[in-house]
Amino acid sequence: MADVIRLRCEETVRIDSDRIVALYSQMGQHAAERLMSKAIEDLAVQMVAVDVAIREGRQEAFGRAIDTLIPLATQVGMSKLVRIAQDLRAAVAAQDAVARDALLARLVRIGDRSLSEVWGIQDMSL
C-alpha cells in the first residue's frame, strides 16, 4: 500500500501597513474604520463570487468579481492577494485549467488569511 503524503500550504501573509496608516491619516480613525470594515465585508463577498463564477464557468460574472476584488484588496494593503487575483485572471484568459484551479485555491487560502490579518489590525486600533 502506498503512503499518502499530506501537503500543507503555508504562506506568509503581509498587509501593507503603510497603506493602512495612510488611510487612517487621510480619513481619520472613524472613517477609516468604516472603510476597512466595508472593504473586508466586500472582499469576502467578491472572493465567494470569484469562486462560484469559476466553478460554474460564468466568465462575465468572474470578470466582474475579479475587477471588483482587485481595487478593494489594493485599498486595504493586500498586495499579495492582488497579485494572485491578477495571476488568476491571466490563467482564466489563457484557459489554463490547472493553473486556474491552483490559483483559485491560493486566492481563497491567502484571501481568508489576509482578511483575518486586516481584521486583527482593525481590532487593535479600537
Protein backbone atom coordinates (compact mmCIF):
# COMPACT_ATOMS: atom_id res chain seq x y z
CA MET A 1 0.00 0.00 0.00
CA ALA A 2 1.32 3.43 -0.92
CA ASP A 3 1.92 6.08 1.68
CA VAL A 4 -0.20 9.19 1.47
CA ILE A 5 1.59 12.45 1.93
CA ARG A 6 -0.44 15.42 3.03
CA LEU A 7 0.97 18.73 1.89
CA ARG A 8 0.32 21.81 3.96
CA CYS A 9 0.34 25.05 2.03
CA GLU A 10 1.53 27.80 4.29
CA GLU A 11 2.49 31.22 3.05
CA THR A 12 3.24 34.32 5.00
CA VAL A 13 0.54 36.94 4.68
CA ARG A 14 1.73 40.51 4.83
CA ILE A 15 -0.50 43.52 4.87
CA ASP A 16 0.93 46.81 3.66
CA SER A 17 0.80 48.62 6.98
CA ASP A 18 1.89 51.86 5.29
CA ARG A 19 -1.33 51.74 3.27
CA ILE A 20 -3.38 51.24 6.44
CA VAL A 21 -1.58 54.07 8.22
CA ALA A 22 -2.14 56.34 5.21
CA LEU A 23 -5.88 55.55 5.25
CA TYR A 24 -6.15 56.41 8.93
CA SER A 25 -4.08 59.55 8.44
CA GLN A 26 -6.10 60.79 5.46
CA MET A 27 -9.56 59.83 6.67
CA GLY A 28 -9.38 59.90 10.44
CA GLN A 29 -9.96 56.94 12.71
CA HIS A 30 -13.73 56.55 12.46
CA ALA A 31 -13.98 56.97 8.68
CA ALA A 32 -11.01 54.64 8.12
CA GLU A 33 -12.52 52.00 10.41
CA ARG A 34 -15.81 52.18 8.49
CA LEU A 35 -13.97 51.90 5.18
CA MET A 36 -11.90 48.96 6.42
CA SER A 37 -14.98 47.14 7.74
CA LYS A 38 -16.84 47.68 4.48
CA ALA A 39 -13.82 46.63 2.40
CA ILE A 40 -13.35 43.43 4.43
CA GLU A 41 -17.00 42.56 4.02
CA ASP A 42 -16.96 43.33 0.29
CA LEU A 43 -13.75 41.35 -0.24
CA ALA A 44 -15.28 38.29 1.39
CA VAL A 45 -18.31 38.59 -0.88
CA GLN A 46 -16.17 39.02 -4.00
CA MET A 47 -13.94 36.06 -3.13
CA VAL A 48 -17.04 33.88 -2.96
CA ALA A 49 -18.32 35.40 -6.22
CA VAL A 50 -14.99 34.61 -7.96
CA ASP A 51 -15.08 31.03 -6.69
CA VAL A 52 -18.71 30.46 -7.73
CA ALA A 53 -18.23 32.07 -11.15
CA ILE A 54 -15.22 29.88 -11.91
CA ARG A 55 -16.88 26.70 -10.70
CA GLU A 56 -20.00 27.47 -12.78
CA GLY A 57 -17.99 28.59 -15.82
CA ARG A 58 -19.55 32.07 -15.85
CA GLN A 59 -16.85 34.23 -17.49
CA GLU A 60 -18.72 37.52 -17.30
CA ALA A 61 -19.51 37.09 -13.59
CA PHE A 62 -15.88 36.12 -12.97
CA GLY A 63 -14.68 39.27 -14.74
CA ARG A 64 -16.97 41.50 -12.67
CA ALA A 65 -15.99 39.84 -9.40
CA ILE A 66 -12.24 39.92 -10.05
CA ASP A 67 -12.46 43.53 -11.29
CA THR A 68 -14.14 44.46 -8.01
CA LEU A 69 -11.85 42.38 -5.81
CA ILE A 70 -8.55 43.83 -7.06
CA PRO A 71 -9.19 47.51 -6.18
CA LEU A 72 -10.68 46.53 -2.82
CA ALA A 73 -7.60 44.47 -1.94
CA THR A 74 -5.36 47.30 -3.12
CA GLN A 75 -7.26 49.79 -0.98
CA VAL A 76 -6.59 47.87 2.24
CA GLY A 77 -2.98 46.88 1.52
CA MET A 78 -3.40 43.25 0.42
CA SER A 79 -0.75 43.32 -2.29
CA LYS A 80 -0.21 39.53 -2.32
CA LEU A 81 -3.93 38.98 -2.82
CA VAL A 82 -3.88 41.49 -5.70
CA ARG A 83 -1.03 39.61 -7.41
CA ILE A 84 -2.80 36.27 -7.01
CA ALA A 85 -6.04 37.73 -8.41
CA GLN A 86 -4.16 39.14 -11.41
CA ASP A 87 -2.49 35.78 -12.00
CA LEU A 88 -5.87 34.06 -11.72
CA ARG A 89 -7.33 36.43 -14.30
CA ALA A 90 -4.44 35.59 -16.66
CA ALA A 91 -4.90 31.82 -16.12
CA VAL A 92 -8.62 32.10 -16.86
CA ALA A 93 -7.91 34.14 -20.00
CA ALA A 94 -5.34 31.55 -21.12
CA GLN A 95 -7.85 28.76 -20.42
CA ASP A 96 -5.24 27.01 -18.27
CA ALA A 97 -7.45 24.87 -16.03
CA VAL A 98 -4.61 23.54 -13.86
CA ALA A 99 -3.20 26.99 -13.13
CA ARG A 100 -6.72 28.37 -12.67
CA ASP A 101 -7.60 25.76 -10.07
CA ALA A 102 -4.31 26.14 -8.22
CA LEU A 103 -4.62 29.93 -8.20
CA LEU A 104 -8.24 29.81 -7.10
CA ALA A 105 -7.25 27.62 -4.13
CA ARG A 106 -4.42 30.03 -3.34
CA LEU A 107 -6.73 33.05 -3.67
CA VAL A 108 -9.16 31.56 -1.16
CA ARG A 109 -6.39 30.48 1.22
CA ILE A 110 -4.47 33.76 1.15
CA GLY A 111 -7.66 35.80 0.99
CA ASP A 112 -9.03 34.23 4.15
CA ARG A 113 -5.76 34.72 6.00
CA SER A 114 -5.44 38.30 4.71
CA LEU A 115 -8.96 39.16 5.83
CA SER A 116 -8.19 37.78 9.29
CA GLU A 117 -4.98 39.79 9.41
CA VAL A 118 -6.66 43.06 8.42
CA TRP A 119 -9.50 42.38 10.85
CA GLY A 120 -6.88 41.89 13.58
CA ILE A 121 -5.17 45.16 12.67
CA GLN A 122 -8.51 46.93 12.78
CA ASP A 123 -9.32 45.42 16.20
CA MET A 124 -6.00 46.71 17.56
CA SER A 125 -6.91 50.25 16.54
CA LEU A 126 -10.08 50.22 18.64
